[in-house]
Amino acid sequence: MLEHRDIKGTVEFDQETKMFFGKLLEINGLVMYEAESAKDFEKNFISAVDEYIQMCEENEMPIKKEYKGVFNVRTSPEMHKGLADIAIERGVKLNAIINEAFNLYLSNTKSALPIIEYCTATPIGSWHHAYTKNVASEFNFSVLKAIEGKSKKIKENAVKTAGSKLALPKHISKHHDENK
């Protein structure tokens, strides 16, 4: 993970082309960057951030993605029922229980809780995607057991990025294909 001017970006490597590539995170649109060396990759990342911020300022657009606080969470029927039962017992809405769990998770992710880390290379089209995920252990929901039981499926999942209508900086990855 790289960071410049409060904008984060991914670091990935294509074994076939021997290129580093990445994309800016938590922004509106898609901005990608690439390079053959780590030194040039960092320079291209910084240029991509600077050009993206300049474009946003010139067009009076928000720089960072705005979070509305609403999203879908997929879980097992057993987990859903268990959480609903707790909400009923406490006389609160299910959202209150979910927010309590999120607060607990967020307060513990930077503490001494053990972290599981895994990484794999997954073929996507003609390139390989290195996927790394951190998962905090135990917080009443058996997160570790769920991940251990499904880790192969989780590791095999890959996300293809959709295109952006924004003007993109010159350091756009050749790995991005809007037709895929």
N, C-alpha and C. Protein backbone atom coordinates (compact mmCIF):
# COMPACT_ATOMS: atom_id res chain seq x y z
N MET A 1 0.85 -1.17 0.00
CA MET A 1 0.00 0.00 0.00
C MET A 1 0.90 1.24 0.00
N LEU A 2 0.58 2.15 -0.89
CA LEU A 2 1.28 3.43 -0.94
C LEU A 2 0.33 4.53 -0.50
N GLU A 3 0.87 5.65 -0.01
CA GLU A 3 0.03 6.78 0.38
C GLU A 3 0.75 8.08 0.06
N HIS A 4 -0.02 9.02 -0.51
CA HIS A 4 0.49 10.36 -0.83
C HIS A 4 -0.68 11.32 -0.78
N ARG A 5 -0.52 12.41 -0.05
CA ARG A 5 -1.56 13.44 0.07
C ARG A 5 -2.90 12.84 0.52
N ASP A 6 -2.84 11.90 1.45
CA ASP A 6 -4.01 11.25 2.03
C ASP A 6 -4.78 10.38 1.02
N ILE A 7 -4.14 10.01 -0.08
CA ILE A 7 -4.73 9.09 -1.07
C ILE A 7 -3.89 7.82 -1.03
N LYS A 8 -4.56 6.67 -0.92
CA LYS A 8 -3.88 5.38 -0.88
C LYS A 8 -3.97 4.71 -2.25
N GLY A 9 -3.00 3.84 -2.51
CA GLY A 9 -3.00 3.09 -3.76
C GLY A 9 -2.45 1.70 -3.56
N THR A 10 -2.88 0.79 -4.42
CA THR A 10 -2.45 -0.60 -4.34
C THR A 10 -1.09 -0.79 -5.00
N VAL A 11 -0.45 -1.90 -4.65
CA VAL A 11 0.80 -2.31 -5.27
C VAL A 11 0.62 -3.75 -5.71
N GLU A 12 0.68 -3.99 -7.01
CA GLU A 12 0.53 -5.34 -7.54
C GLU A 12 1.62 -5.59 -8.57
N PHE A 13 1.82 -6.86 -8.94
CA PHE A 13 2.89 -7.22 -9.86
C PHE A 13 2.38 -8.23 -10.87
N ASP A 14 2.67 -7.98 -12.15
CA ASP A 14 2.32 -8.89 -13.23
C ASP A 14 3.56 -9.70 -13.58
N GLN A 15 3.52 -11.00 -13.30
CA GLN A 15 4.68 -11.86 -13.53
C GLN A 15 5.00 -12.02 -15.02
N GLU A 16 3.99 -11.97 -15.88
CA GLU A 16 4.23 -12.14 -17.31
C GLU A 16 4.98 -10.95 -17.91
N THR A 17 4.55 -9.75 -17.59
CA THR A 17 5.17 -8.55 -18.18
C THR A 17 6.26 -7.95 -17.29
N LYS A 18 6.39 -8.49 -16.08
CA LYS A 18 7.37 -7.98 -15.10
C LYS A 18 7.13 -6.50 -14.80
N MET A 19 5.85 -6.15 -14.68
CA MET A 19 5.45 -4.76 -14.41
C MET A 19 4.75 -4.67 -13.06
N PHE A 20 5.04 -3.60 -12.34
CA PHE A 20 4.27 -3.24 -11.16
C PHE A 20 3.07 -2.43 -11.66
N PHE A 21 1.92 -2.61 -11.02
CA PHE A 21 0.76 -1.79 -11.37
C PHE A 21 -0.12 -1.65 -10.14
N GLY A 22 -0.97 -0.63 -10.15
CA GLY A 22 -1.85 -0.40 -9.02
C GLY A 22 -2.94 0.59 -9.39
N LYS A 23 -3.83 0.81 -8.41
CA LYS A 23 -4.90 1.78 -8.63
C LYS A 23 -5.11 2.57 -7.35
N LEU A 24 -5.60 3.81 -7.52
CA LEU A 24 -5.90 4.65 -6.37
C LEU A 24 -7.16 4.13 -5.71
N LEU A 25 -7.21 4.21 -4.38
CA LEU A 25 -8.33 3.72 -3.59
C LEU A 25 -9.14 4.87 -3.01
N GLU A 26 -10.41 4.59 -2.74
CA GLU A 26 -11.32 5.53 -2.09
C GLU A 26 -11.43 6.86 -2.84
N ILE A 27 -11.46 6.76 -4.18
CA ILE A 27 -11.65 7.95 -5.01
C ILE A 27 -12.89 7.74 -5.87
N ASN A 28 -13.31 8.79 -6.54
CA ASN A 28 -14.43 8.71 -7.48
C ASN A 28 -13.85 8.44 -8.86
N GLY A 29 -14.07 7.25 -9.38
CA GLY A 29 -13.53 6.88 -10.68
C GLY A 29 -12.42 5.87 -10.54
N LEU A 30 -11.67 5.71 -11.63
CA LEU A 30 -10.59 4.73 -11.68
C LEU A 30 -9.33 5.42 -12.18
N VAL A 31 -8.27 5.35 -11.41
CA VAL A 31 -6.97 5.86 -11.82
C VAL A 31 -5.96 4.76 -11.53
N MET A 32 -5.25 4.33 -12.59
CA MET A 32 -4.26 3.28 -12.46
C MET A 32 -2.89 3.83 -12.84
N TYR A 33 -1.83 3.14 -12.38
CA TYR A 33 -0.46 3.56 -12.65
C TYR A 33 0.38 2.30 -12.75
N GLU A 34 1.54 2.39 -13.41
CA GLU A 34 2.39 1.22 -13.59
C GLU A 34 3.83 1.66 -13.81
N ALA A 35 4.75 0.71 -13.71
CA ALA A 35 6.17 0.94 -13.99
C ALA A 35 6.91 -0.38 -13.94
N GLU A 36 8.09 -0.39 -14.51
CA GLU A 36 8.92 -1.60 -14.49
C GLU A 36 9.75 -1.71 -13.22
N SER A 37 10.09 -0.59 -12.60
CA SER A 37 10.91 -0.63 -11.38
C SER A 37 10.11 -0.06 -10.20
N ALA A 38 10.51 -0.44 -9.01
CA ALA A 38 9.84 0.05 -7.80
C ALA A 38 10.01 1.57 -7.68
N LYS A 39 11.18 2.07 -8.03
CA LYS A 39 11.44 3.51 -7.94
C LYS A 39 10.51 4.28 -8.89
N ASP A 40 10.42 3.83 -10.14
CA ASP A 40 9.54 4.49 -11.11
C ASP A 40 8.08 4.30 -10.74
N PHE A 41 7.76 3.15 -10.16
CA PHE A 41 6.38 2.88 -9.75
C PHE A 41 5.93 3.91 -8.71
N GLU A 42 6.78 4.17 -7.72
CA GLU A 42 6.43 5.15 -6.70
C GLU A 42 6.28 6.55 -7.31
N LYS A 43 7.19 6.91 -8.23
CA LYS A 43 7.08 8.21 -8.91
C LYS A 43 5.76 8.31 -9.68
N ASN A 44 5.40 7.25 -10.40
CA ASN A 44 4.16 7.25 -11.18
C ASN A 44 2.93 7.30 -10.28
N PHE A 45 3.01 6.64 -9.12
CA PHE A 45 1.92 6.72 -8.15
C PHE A 45 1.74 8.17 -7.69
N ILE A 46 2.82 8.82 -7.31
CA ILE A 46 2.76 10.21 -6.84
C ILE A 46 2.22 11.11 -7.94
N SER A 47 2.67 10.92 -9.18
CA SER A 47 2.16 11.72 -10.31
C SER A 47 0.68 11.48 -10.52
N ALA A 48 0.25 10.22 -10.42
CA ALA A 48 -1.17 9.90 -10.60
C ALA A 48 -2.01 10.59 -9.54
N VAL A 49 -1.55 10.58 -8.29
CA VAL A 49 -2.28 11.24 -7.21
C VAL A 49 -2.34 12.74 -7.47
N ASP A 50 -1.20 13.35 -7.77
CA ASP A 50 -1.16 14.79 -8.00
C ASP A 50 -2.06 15.20 -9.16
N GLU A 51 -2.01 14.45 -10.27
CA GLU A 51 -2.84 14.77 -11.43
C GLU A 51 -4.32 14.56 -11.14
N TYR A 52 -4.64 13.51 -10.40
CA TYR A 52 -6.04 13.26 -10.03
C TYR A 52 -6.57 14.41 -9.17
N ILE A 53 -5.81 14.82 -8.16
CA ILE A 53 -6.25 15.91 -7.28
C ILE A 53 -6.40 17.20 -8.08
N GLN A 54 -5.46 17.47 -8.97
CA GLN A 54 -5.54 18.67 -9.81
C GLN A 54 -6.81 18.64 -10.68
N MET A 55 -7.10 17.48 -11.29
CA MET A 55 -8.30 17.35 -12.11
C MET A 55 -9.56 17.60 -11.28
N CYS A 56 -9.59 17.03 -10.07
CA CYS A 56 -10.76 17.22 -9.20
C CYS A 56 -10.93 18.69 -8.83
N GLU A 57 -9.84 19.34 -8.50
CA GLU A 57 -9.91 20.76 -8.12
C GLU A 57 -10.36 21.62 -9.30
N GLU A 58 -9.83 21.35 -10.49
CA GLU A 58 -10.20 22.12 -11.68
C GLU A 58 -11.67 21.94 -12.04
N ASN A 59 -12.21 20.75 -11.80
CA ASN A 59 -13.60 20.45 -12.15
C ASN A 59 -14.55 20.56 -10.95
N GLU A 60 -14.03 21.08 -9.83
CA GLU A 60 -14.82 21.24 -8.61
C GLU A 60 -15.53 19.94 -8.21
N MET A 61 -14.77 18.85 -8.25
CA MET A 61 -15.29 17.53 -7.88
C MET A 61 -14.69 17.14 -6.53
N PRO A 62 -15.41 16.32 -5.74
CA PRO A 62 -14.82 15.84 -4.48
C PRO A 62 -13.63 14.92 -4.78
N ILE A 63 -12.58 15.05 -3.98
CA ILE A 63 -11.37 14.26 -4.20
C ILE A 63 -11.57 12.84 -3.69
N LYS A 64 -12.10 12.71 -2.49
CA LYS A 64 -12.27 11.39 -1.88
C LYS A 64 -13.69 10.89 -2.09
N LYS A 65 -13.82 9.59 -2.17
CA LYS A 65 -15.13 8.95 -2.26
C LYS A 65 -15.91 9.26 -0.98
N GLU A 66 -17.17 9.60 -1.14
CA GLU A 66 -18.01 9.89 0.02
C GLU A 66 -18.76 8.62 0.41
N TYR A 67 -18.69 8.28 1.69
CA TYR A 67 -19.40 7.11 2.19
C TYR A 67 -20.72 7.55 2.79
N LYS A 68 -21.78 6.88 2.41
CA LYS A 68 -23.12 7.25 2.85
C LYS A 68 -23.56 6.48 4.10
N GLY A 69 -22.81 5.43 4.47
CA GLY A 69 -23.17 4.66 5.65
C GLY A 69 -24.19 3.58 5.38
N VAL A 70 -24.45 3.29 4.12
CA VAL A 70 -25.42 2.26 3.76
C VAL A 70 -24.75 1.29 2.80
N PHE A 71 -24.78 0.00 3.14
CA PHE A 71 -24.27 -1.04 2.25
C PHE A 71 -24.87 -2.37 2.64
N ASN A 72 -24.81 -3.34 1.74
CA ASN A 72 -25.35 -4.67 2.01
C ASN A 72 -24.26 -5.55 2.61
N VAL A 73 -24.65 -6.37 3.55
CA VAL A 73 -23.74 -7.35 4.15
C VAL A 73 -24.34 -8.72 3.92
N ARG A 74 -23.55 -9.60 3.31
CA ARG A 74 -24.02 -10.97 3.10
C ARG A 74 -23.43 -11.86 4.19
N THR A 75 -24.28 -12.66 4.79
CA THR A 75 -23.85 -13.57 5.85
C THR A 75 -24.69 -14.83 5.77
N SER A 76 -24.41 -15.76 6.62
CA SER A 76 -25.18 -17.01 6.63
C SER A 76 -26.53 -16.79 7.30
N PRO A 77 -27.52 -17.62 6.98
CA PRO A 77 -28.81 -17.52 7.66
C PRO A 77 -28.67 -17.69 9.18
N GLU A 78 -27.75 -18.56 9.61
CA GLU A 78 -27.54 -18.79 11.04
C GLU A 78 -27.00 -17.53 11.72
N MET A 79 -26.05 -16.86 11.07
CA MET A 79 -25.49 -15.62 11.62
C MET A 79 -26.58 -14.55 11.67
N HIS A 80 -27.35 -14.43 10.61
CA HIS A 80 -28.43 -13.44 10.56
C HIS A 80 -29.42 -13.67 11.70
N LYS A 81 -29.84 -14.93 11.89
CA LYS A 81 -30.79 -15.26 12.95
C LYS A 81 -30.19 -14.98 14.32
N GLY A 82 -28.93 -15.37 14.52
CA GLY A 82 -28.27 -15.15 15.81
C GLY A 82 -28.20 -13.67 16.17
N LEU A 83 -27.86 -12.84 15.19
CA LEU A 83 -27.80 -11.40 15.43
C LEU A 83 -29.18 -10.82 15.67
N ALA A 84 -30.17 -11.29 14.91
CA ALA A 84 -31.55 -10.82 15.10
C ALA A 84 -32.05 -11.20 16.50
N ASP A 85 -31.72 -12.42 16.95
CA ASP A 85 -32.12 -12.85 18.30
C ASP A 85 -31.52 -11.95 19.38
N ILE A 86 -30.24 -11.59 19.21
CA ILE A 86 -29.59 -10.69 20.17
C ILE A 86 -30.28 -9.34 20.18
N ALA A 87 -30.61 -8.83 19.00
CA ALA A 87 -31.29 -7.53 18.90
C ALA A 87 -32.65 -7.58 19.60
N ILE A 88 -33.39 -8.66 19.41
CA ILE A 88 -34.70 -8.82 20.06
C ILE A 88 -34.54 -8.86 21.57
N GLU A 89 -33.57 -9.66 22.05
CA GLU A 89 -33.32 -9.78 23.49
C GLU A 89 -32.98 -8.43 24.11
N ARG A 90 -32.24 -7.61 23.40
CA ARG A 90 -31.82 -6.30 23.92
C ARG A 90 -32.85 -5.20 23.65
N GLY A 91 -33.82 -5.50 22.82
CA GLY A 91 -34.83 -4.50 22.50
C GLY A 91 -34.32 -3.39 21.60
N VAL A 92 -33.38 -3.74 20.72
CA VAL A 92 -32.83 -2.75 19.79
C VAL A 92 -32.98 -3.27 18.36
N LYS A 93 -32.69 -2.43 17.41
CA LYS A 93 -32.74 -2.84 16.00
C LYS A 93 -31.48 -3.61 15.63
N LEU A 94 -31.59 -4.42 14.60
CA LEU A 94 -30.46 -5.21 14.11
C LEU A 94 -29.28 -4.30 13.74
N ASN A 95 -29.55 -3.13 13.16
CA ASN A 95 -28.48 -2.20 12.81
C ASN A 95 -27.65 -1.81 14.03
N ALA A 96 -28.26 -1.66 15.19
CA ALA A 96 -27.52 -1.31 16.41
C ALA A 96 -26.53 -2.42 16.77
N ILE A 97 -26.95 -3.67 16.62
CA ILE A 97 -26.07 -4.81 16.91
C ILE A 97 -24.92 -4.85 15.91
N ILE A 98 -25.23 -4.66 14.64
CA ILE A 98 -24.19 -4.67 13.60
C ILE A 98 -23.19 -3.54 13.85
N ASN A 99 -23.68 -2.35 14.17
CA ASN A 99 -22.77 -1.23 14.44
C ASN A 99 -21.92 -1.49 15.68
N GLU A 100 -22.48 -2.15 16.68
CA GLU A 100 -21.70 -2.52 17.86
C GLU A 100 -20.57 -3.47 17.47
N ALA A 101 -20.88 -4.45 16.62
CA ALA A 101 -19.86 -5.39 16.15
C ALA A 101 -18.79 -4.66 15.33
N PHE A 102 -19.21 -3.75 14.45
CA PHE A 102 -18.24 -2.98 13.66
C PHE A 102 -17.34 -2.15 14.57
N ASN A 103 -17.93 -1.49 15.57
CA ASN A 103 -17.14 -0.68 16.51
C ASN A 103 -16.12 -1.54 17.25
N LEU A 104 -16.54 -2.72 17.67
CA LEU A 104 -15.63 -3.64 18.36
C LEU A 104 -14.50 -4.05 17.42
N TYR A 105 -14.83 -4.39 16.20
CA TYR A 105 -13.82 -4.79 15.21
C TYR A 105 -12.84 -3.64 14.96
N LEU A 106 -13.36 -2.44 14.71
CA LEU A 106 -12.49 -1.30 14.43
C LEU A 106 -11.61 -0.95 15.62
N SER A 107 -12.12 -1.07 16.83
CA SER A 107 -11.31 -0.75 18.01
C SER A 107 -10.23 -1.79 18.26
N ASN A 108 -10.41 -3.00 17.74
CA ASN A 108 -9.44 -4.07 17.98
C ASN A 108 -8.48 -4.31 16.82
N THR A 109 -8.72 -3.75 15.66
CA THR A 109 -7.85 -4.04 14.52
C THR A 109 -6.46 -3.48 14.69
N LYS A 110 -6.31 -2.44 15.48
CA LYS A 110 -4.98 -1.87 15.70
C LYS A 110 -4.42 -2.27 17.05
N SER A 111 -5.07 -3.22 17.71
CA SER A 111 -4.59 -3.67 19.02
C SER A 111 -3.74 -4.91 18.85
N ALA A 112 -3.60 -5.66 19.91
CA ALA A 112 -2.74 -6.83 19.91
C ALA A 112 -3.44 -8.10 19.44
N LEU A 113 -4.65 -7.98 18.89
CA LEU A 113 -5.32 -9.19 18.40
C LEU A 113 -4.50 -9.83 17.30
N PRO A 114 -4.42 -11.16 17.28
CA PRO A 114 -3.69 -11.82 16.20
C PRO A 114 -4.37 -11.52 14.86
N ILE A 115 -3.58 -11.44 13.83
CA ILE A 115 -4.08 -11.17 12.49
C ILE A 115 -3.70 -12.35 11.59
N ILE A 116 -4.65 -12.79 10.78
CA ILE A 116 -4.36 -13.80 9.76
C ILE A 116 -4.01 -13.04 8.51
N GLU A 117 -2.97 -13.45 7.83
CA GLU A 117 -2.62 -12.81 6.57
C GLU A 117 -2.40 -13.91 5.55
N TYR A 118 -2.99 -13.74 4.39
CA TYR A 118 -2.74 -14.70 3.34
C TYR A 118 -2.57 -13.97 2.03
N CYS A 119 -1.86 -14.59 1.12
CA CYS A 119 -1.62 -13.98 -0.18
C CYS A 119 -1.59 -15.09 -1.22
N THR A 120 -2.12 -14.81 -2.39
CA THR A 120 -2.10 -15.79 -3.47
C THR A 120 -2.05 -15.06 -4.80
N ALA A 121 -1.64 -15.74 -5.82
CA ALA A 121 -1.68 -15.19 -7.18
C ALA A 121 -2.80 -15.88 -7.93
N THR A 122 -3.68 -15.11 -8.50
CA THR A 122 -4.85 -15.64 -9.19
C THR A 122 -4.84 -15.16 -10.63
N PRO A 123 -4.96 -16.08 -11.62
CA PRO A 123 -4.99 -15.62 -13.01
C PRO A 123 -6.25 -14.82 -13.31
N ILE A 124 -6.09 -13.67 -13.91
CA ILE A 124 -7.22 -12.88 -14.38
C ILE A 124 -6.84 -12.45 -15.79
N GLY A 125 -7.46 -13.04 -16.78
CA GLY A 125 -7.09 -12.73 -18.16
C GLY A 125 -5.66 -13.15 -18.38
N SER A 126 -4.83 -12.22 -18.85
CA SER A 126 -3.44 -12.56 -19.17
C SER A 126 -2.46 -12.16 -18.07
N TRP A 127 -2.95 -11.74 -16.93
CA TRP A 127 -2.05 -11.33 -15.86
C TRP A 127 -2.43 -11.98 -14.55
N HIS A 128 -1.56 -11.85 -13.57
CA HIS A 128 -1.79 -12.43 -12.25
C HIS A 128 -2.01 -11.32 -11.23
N HIS A 129 -2.94 -11.57 -10.34
CA HIS A 129 -3.33 -10.57 -9.33
C HIS A 129 -2.90 -11.08 -7.97
N ALA A 130 -2.03 -10.36 -7.30
CA ALA A 130 -1.64 -10.75 -5.94
C ALA A 130 -2.68 -10.18 -4.98
N TYR A 131 -3.32 -11.03 -4.23
CA TYR A 131 -4.43 -10.62 -3.37
C TYR A 131 -4.05 -10.87 -1.93
N THR A 132 -3.99 -9.84 -1.14
CA THR A 132 -3.64 -9.97 0.28
C THR A 132 -4.81 -9.49 1.12
N LYS A 133 -5.10 -10.21 2.17
CA LYS A 133 -6.25 -9.87 3.01
C LYS A 133 -5.84 -10.04 4.46
N ASN A 134 -6.16 -9.08 5.29
CA ASN A 134 -5.95 -9.19 6.73
C ASN A 134 -7.29 -9.40 7.40
N VAL A 135 -7.34 -10.31 8.35
CA VAL A 135 -8.59 -10.58 9.06
C VAL A 135 -8.29 -10.67 10.55
N ALA A 136 -8.90 -9.82 11.34
CA ALA A 136 -8.71 -9.89 12.79
C ALA A 136 -9.41 -11.13 13.33
N SER A 137 -8.82 -11.72 14.34
CA SER A 137 -9.40 -12.96 14.86
C SER A 137 -10.42 -12.69 15.95
N GLU A 138 -11.29 -13.63 16.12
CA GLU A 138 -12.29 -13.72 17.18
C GLU A 138 -12.93 -12.40 17.58
N PHE A 139 -14.17 -12.23 17.31
CA PHE A 139 -14.93 -11.23 18.03
C PHE A 139 -16.37 -11.68 18.06
N ASN A 140 -16.54 -12.82 18.72
CA ASN A 140 -17.84 -13.44 18.97
C ASN A 140 -18.52 -14.01 17.73
N PHE A 141 -17.95 -13.85 16.57
CA PHE A 141 -18.62 -14.34 15.37
C PHE A 141 -17.81 -15.43 14.66
N SER A 142 -16.80 -15.96 15.28
CA SER A 142 -15.98 -17.03 14.71
C SER A 142 -15.49 -16.68 13.31
N VAL A 143 -14.94 -15.48 13.17
CA VAL A 143 -14.45 -15.03 11.87
C VAL A 143 -13.39 -15.98 11.34
N LEU A 144 -12.49 -16.41 12.22
CA LEU A 144 -11.41 -17.29 11.77
C LEU A 144 -11.95 -18.59 11.21
N LYS A 145 -12.90 -19.20 11.89
CA LYS A 145 -13.45 -20.47 11.42
C LYS A 145 -14.11 -20.30 10.06
N ALA A 146 -14.82 -19.21 9.88
CA ALA A 146 -15.49 -18.97 8.60
C ALA A 146 -14.46 -18.81 7.49
N ILE A 147 -13.38 -18.13 7.77
CA ILE A 147 -12.36 -17.91 6.74
C ILE A 147 -11.56 -19.17 6.50
N GLU A 148 -11.21 -19.88 7.58
CA GLU A 148 -10.46 -21.12 7.40
C GLU A 148 -11.25 -22.10 6.56
N GLY A 149 -12.54 -22.18 6.77
CA GLY A 149 -13.37 -23.11 6.03
C GLY A 149 -13.59 -22.71 4.59
N LYS A 150 -13.47 -21.43 4.29
CA LYS A 150 -13.76 -20.96 2.94
C LYS A 150 -12.57 -20.25 2.30
N SER A 151 -11.39 -20.39 2.87
CA SER A 151 -10.27 -19.61 2.39
C SER A 151 -9.95 -19.86 0.93
N LYS A 152 -10.07 -21.10 0.46
CA LYS A 152 -9.77 -21.38 -0.94
C LYS A 152 -10.71 -20.59 -1.84
N LYS A 153 -11.99 -20.60 -1.50
CA LYS A 153 -12.98 -19.86 -2.30
C LYS A 153 -12.69 -18.37 -2.24
N ILE A 154 -12.39 -17.85 -1.05
CA ILE A 154 -12.09 -16.43 -0.90
C ILE A 154 -10.86 -16.06 -1.71
N LYS A 155 -9.83 -16.88 -1.62
CA LYS A 155 -8.59 -16.59 -2.33
C LYS A 155 -8.77 -16.64 -3.84
N GLU A 156 -9.68 -17.47 -4.32
CA GLU A 156 -9.87 -17.60 -5.76
C GLU A 156 -10.72 -16.49 -6.35
N ASN A 157 -11.41 -15.75 -5.49
CA ASN A 157 -12.24 -14.65 -6.00
C ASN A 157 -11.36 -13.51 -6.46
N ALA A 158 -11.71 -12.92 -7.57
CA ALA A 158 -10.98 -11.76 -8.09
C ALA A 158 -11.99 -10.76 -8.61
N VAL A 159 -11.64 -9.53 -8.55
CA VAL A 159 -12.55 -8.48 -8.96
C VAL A 159 -12.01 -7.84 -10.22
N LYS A 160 -12.85 -7.77 -11.25
CA LYS A 160 -12.49 -7.05 -12.46
C LYS A 160 -13.01 -5.63 -12.32
N THR A 161 -12.17 -4.68 -12.59
CA THR A 161 -12.52 -3.28 -12.37
C THR A 161 -13.26 -2.72 -13.57
N ALA A 162 -14.36 -2.03 -13.31
CA ALA A 162 -15.11 -1.37 -14.38
C ALA A 162 -14.43 -0.06 -14.75
N GLY A 163 -14.73 0.44 -15.92
CA GLY A 163 -14.10 1.66 -16.41
C GLY A 163 -14.63 2.91 -15.72
N SER A 164 -13.98 4.00 -16.00
CA SER A 164 -14.35 5.27 -15.40
C SER A 164 -14.61 6.29 -16.49
N LYS A 165 -15.54 7.21 -16.26
CA LYS A 165 -15.81 8.27 -17.22
C LYS A 165 -14.96 9.50 -16.95
N LEU A 166 -14.17 9.46 -15.88
CA LEU A 166 -13.32 10.59 -15.55
C LEU A 166 -12.13 10.63 -16.50
N ALA A 167 -11.58 11.82 -16.72
CA ALA A 167 -10.32 11.93 -17.45
C ALA A 167 -9.25 11.34 -16.56
N LEU A 168 -8.43 10.46 -17.12
CA LEU A 168 -7.44 9.76 -16.31
C LEU A 168 -6.05 10.31 -16.56
N PRO A 169 -5.19 10.33 -15.55
CA PRO A 169 -3.81 10.77 -15.74
C PRO A 169 -3.08 9.88 -16.74
N LYS A 170 -1.91 10.35 -17.19
CA LYS A 170 -1.18 9.64 -18.24
C LYS A 170 -0.59 8.31 -17.78
N HIS A 171 -0.50 8.06 -16.49
CA HIS A 171 0.10 6.83 -15.98
C HIS A 171 -0.96 5.76 -15.76
N ILE A 172 -1.77 5.49 -16.76
CA ILE A 172 -2.84 4.50 -16.65
C ILE A 172 -2.29 3.14 -17.04
N SER A 173 -2.64 2.14 -16.30
CA SER A 173 -2.15 0.80 -16.54
C SER A 173 -2.67 0.24 -17.85
N LYS A 174 -1.79 -0.46 -18.57
CA LYS A 174 -2.21 -1.17 -19.78
C LYS A 174 -2.98 -2.43 -19.42
N HIS A 175 -3.00 -2.79 -18.14
CA HIS A 175 -3.69 -4.00 -17.69
C HIS A 175 -5.19 -3.79 -17.63
N HIS A 176 -5.63 -2.55 -17.64
CA HIS A 176 -7.07 -2.27 -17.51
C HIS A 176 -7.72 -2.39 -18.88
N ASP A 177 -8.71 -3.23 -18.99
CA ASP A 177 -9.46 -3.41 -20.24
C ASP A 177 -10.93 -3.27 -19.92
N GLU A 178 -11.56 -2.18 -20.40
CA GLU A 178 -12.96 -1.92 -20.08
C GLU A 178 -13.89 -2.97 -20.68
N ASN A 179 -13.43 -3.74 -21.65
CA ASN A 179 -14.30 -4.73 -22.30
C ASN A 179 -14.36 -6.05 -21.56
N LYS A 180 -13.55 -6.22 -20.52
CA LYS A 180 -13.56 -7.49 -19.77
C LYS A 180 -14.57 -7.45 -18.68
